[in-house]
Amino acid sequence: MPPFIVDFASALIEREIERDEEWMAKMVDDFEDDWPLVRHALWRLEDEHGIYSADIHPRNFKCR
């Protein structure tokens, strides 16, 4: 049952990825109303498990 992430091929372990305002604006545009859910999932992976996903786009995140 969604939400789930379908691609971890480009994920980094315990190596942070820099994300700037331009990246954030693109994510908001790409994910629209689903962005808060995706953002929460990303932050949980990063904060709790040290997993940083580099390839973030709607085809890799199933929200519904």
C-alpha atoms as a PDB file:
ATOM      1  CA  MET A   1       0.000   0.000   0.000  1.00  0.00           C
ATOM      2  CA  PRO A   2       1.430   3.442  -0.933  1.00  0.00           C
ATOM      3  CA  PRO A   3       3.453   5.435  -0.232  1.00  0.00           C
ATOM      4  CA  PHE A   4       6.599   3.648  -1.270  1.00  0.00           C
ATOM      5  CA  ILE A   5       9.868   4.320  -3.079  1.00  0.00           C
ATOM      6  CA  VAL A   6      10.633   2.116  -6.057  1.00  0.00           C
ATOM      7  CA  ASP A   7      14.244   2.959  -6.935  1.00  0.00           C
ATOM      8  CA  PHE A   8      17.278   2.970  -4.645  1.00  0.00           C
ATOM      9  CA  ALA A   9      19.927   2.434  -7.348  1.00  0.00           C
ATOM     10  CA  SER A  10      21.412   5.906  -6.896  1.00  0.00           C
ATOM     11  CA  ALA A  11      20.932   6.134  -3.121  1.00  0.00           C
ATOM     12  CA  LEU A  12      23.891   7.050  -0.956  1.00  0.00           C
ATOM     13  CA  ILE A  13      24.502   5.660   2.513  1.00  0.00           C
ATOM     14  CA  GLU A  14      25.571   8.158   5.182  1.00  0.00           C
ATOM     15  CA  ARG A  15      26.690  10.666   2.547  1.00  0.00           C
ATOM     16  CA  GLU A  16      24.509  13.757   2.450  1.00  0.00           C
ATOM     17  CA  ILE A  17      23.297  15.281  -0.796  1.00  0.00           C
ATOM     18  CA  GLU A  18      23.211  19.056  -1.147  1.00  0.00           C
ATOM     19  CA  ARG A  19      19.778  20.373  -1.959  1.00  0.00           C
ATOM     20  CA  ASP A  20      19.212  24.042  -2.675  1.00  0.00           C
ATOM     21  CA  GLU A  21      16.164  26.253  -3.238  1.00  0.00           C
ATOM     22  CA  GLU A  22      16.128  25.457  -6.969  1.00  0.00           C
ATOM     23  CA  TRP A  23      15.979  21.730  -6.195  1.00  0.00           C
ATOM     24  CA  MET A  24      13.158  22.330  -3.689  1.00  0.00           C
ATOM     25  CA  ALA A  25      11.157  24.359  -6.235  1.00  0.00           C
ATOM     26  CA  LYS A  26      11.564  21.575  -8.807  1.00  0.00           C
ATOM     27  CA  MET A  27      10.341  18.964  -6.324  1.00  0.00           C
ATOM     28  CA  VAL A  28       7.278  21.048  -5.451  1.00  0.00           C
ATOM     29  CA  ASP A  29       6.550  21.436  -9.169  1.00  0.00           C
ATOM     30  CA  ASP A  30       7.151  17.750  -9.969  1.00  0.00           C
ATOM     31  CA  PHE A  31       5.178  16.254  -7.079  1.00  0.00           C
ATOM     32  CA  GLU A  32       2.534  18.960  -6.617  1.00  0.00           C
ATOM     33  CA  ASP A  33       0.155  17.964  -3.771  1.00  0.00           C
ATOM     34  CA  ASP A  34       2.187  14.824  -3.012  1.00  0.00           C
ATOM     35  CA  TRP A  35       5.357  16.770  -2.168  1.00  0.00           C
ATOM     36  CA  PRO A  36       4.714  16.922   1.620  1.00  0.00           C
ATOM     37  CA  LEU A  37       4.403  13.113   1.721  1.00  0.00           C
ATOM     38  CA  VAL A  38       7.504  12.605  -0.427  1.00  0.00           C
ATOM     39  CA  ARG A  39       9.483  15.164   1.593  1.00  0.00           C
ATOM     40  CA  HIS A  40       8.518  13.430   4.828  1.00  0.00           C
ATOM     41  CA  ALA A  41       9.580  10.022   3.456  1.00  0.00           C
ATOM     42  CA  LEU A  42      12.924  11.412   2.282  1.00  0.00           C
ATOM     43  CA  TRP A  43      13.642  13.110   5.591  1.00  0.00           C
ATOM     44  CA  ARG A  44      12.752   9.957   7.543  1.00  0.00           C
ATOM     45  CA  LEU A  45      15.111   7.881   5.387  1.00  0.00           C
ATOM     46  CA  GLU A  46      17.872  10.432   5.864  1.00  0.00           C
ATOM     47  CA  ASP A  47      17.412  11.163   9.560  1.00  0.00           C
ATOM     48  CA  GLU A  48      16.620   7.670  10.801  1.00  0.00           C
ATOM     49  CA  HIS A  49      18.610   5.456   8.426  1.00  0.00           C
ATOM     50  CA  GLY A  50      21.272   7.621   6.774  1.00  0.00           C
ATOM     51  CA  ILE A  51      19.928   6.838   3.280  1.00  0.00           C
ATOM     52  CA  TYR A  52      20.059   9.723   0.810  1.00  0.00           C
ATOM     53  CA  SER A  53      18.136   9.273  -2.447  1.00  0.00           C
ATOM     54  CA  ALA A  54      19.718  11.114  -5.372  1.00  0.00           C
ATOM     55  CA  ASP A  55      17.243  10.191  -8.123  1.00  0.00           C
ATOM     56  CA  ILE A  56      13.997  11.779  -6.992  1.00  0.00           C
ATOM     57  CA  HIS A  57      11.133  12.074  -9.447  1.00  0.00           C
ATOM     58  CA  PRO A  58       7.493  10.967  -9.576  1.00  0.00           C
ATOM     59  CA  ARG A  59       8.295   7.699 -11.377  1.00  0.00           C
ATOM     60  CA  ASN A  60      10.324   6.588  -8.326  1.00  0.00           C
ATOM     61  CA  PHE A  61       7.751   7.450  -5.668  1.00  0.00           C
ATOM     62  CA  LYS A  62       4.333   5.808  -5.534  1.00  0.00           C
ATOM     63  CA  CYS A  63       2.040   8.057  -3.527  1.00  0.00           C
ATOM     64  CA  ARG A  64      -1.375   6.615  -4.399  1.00  0.00           C
END
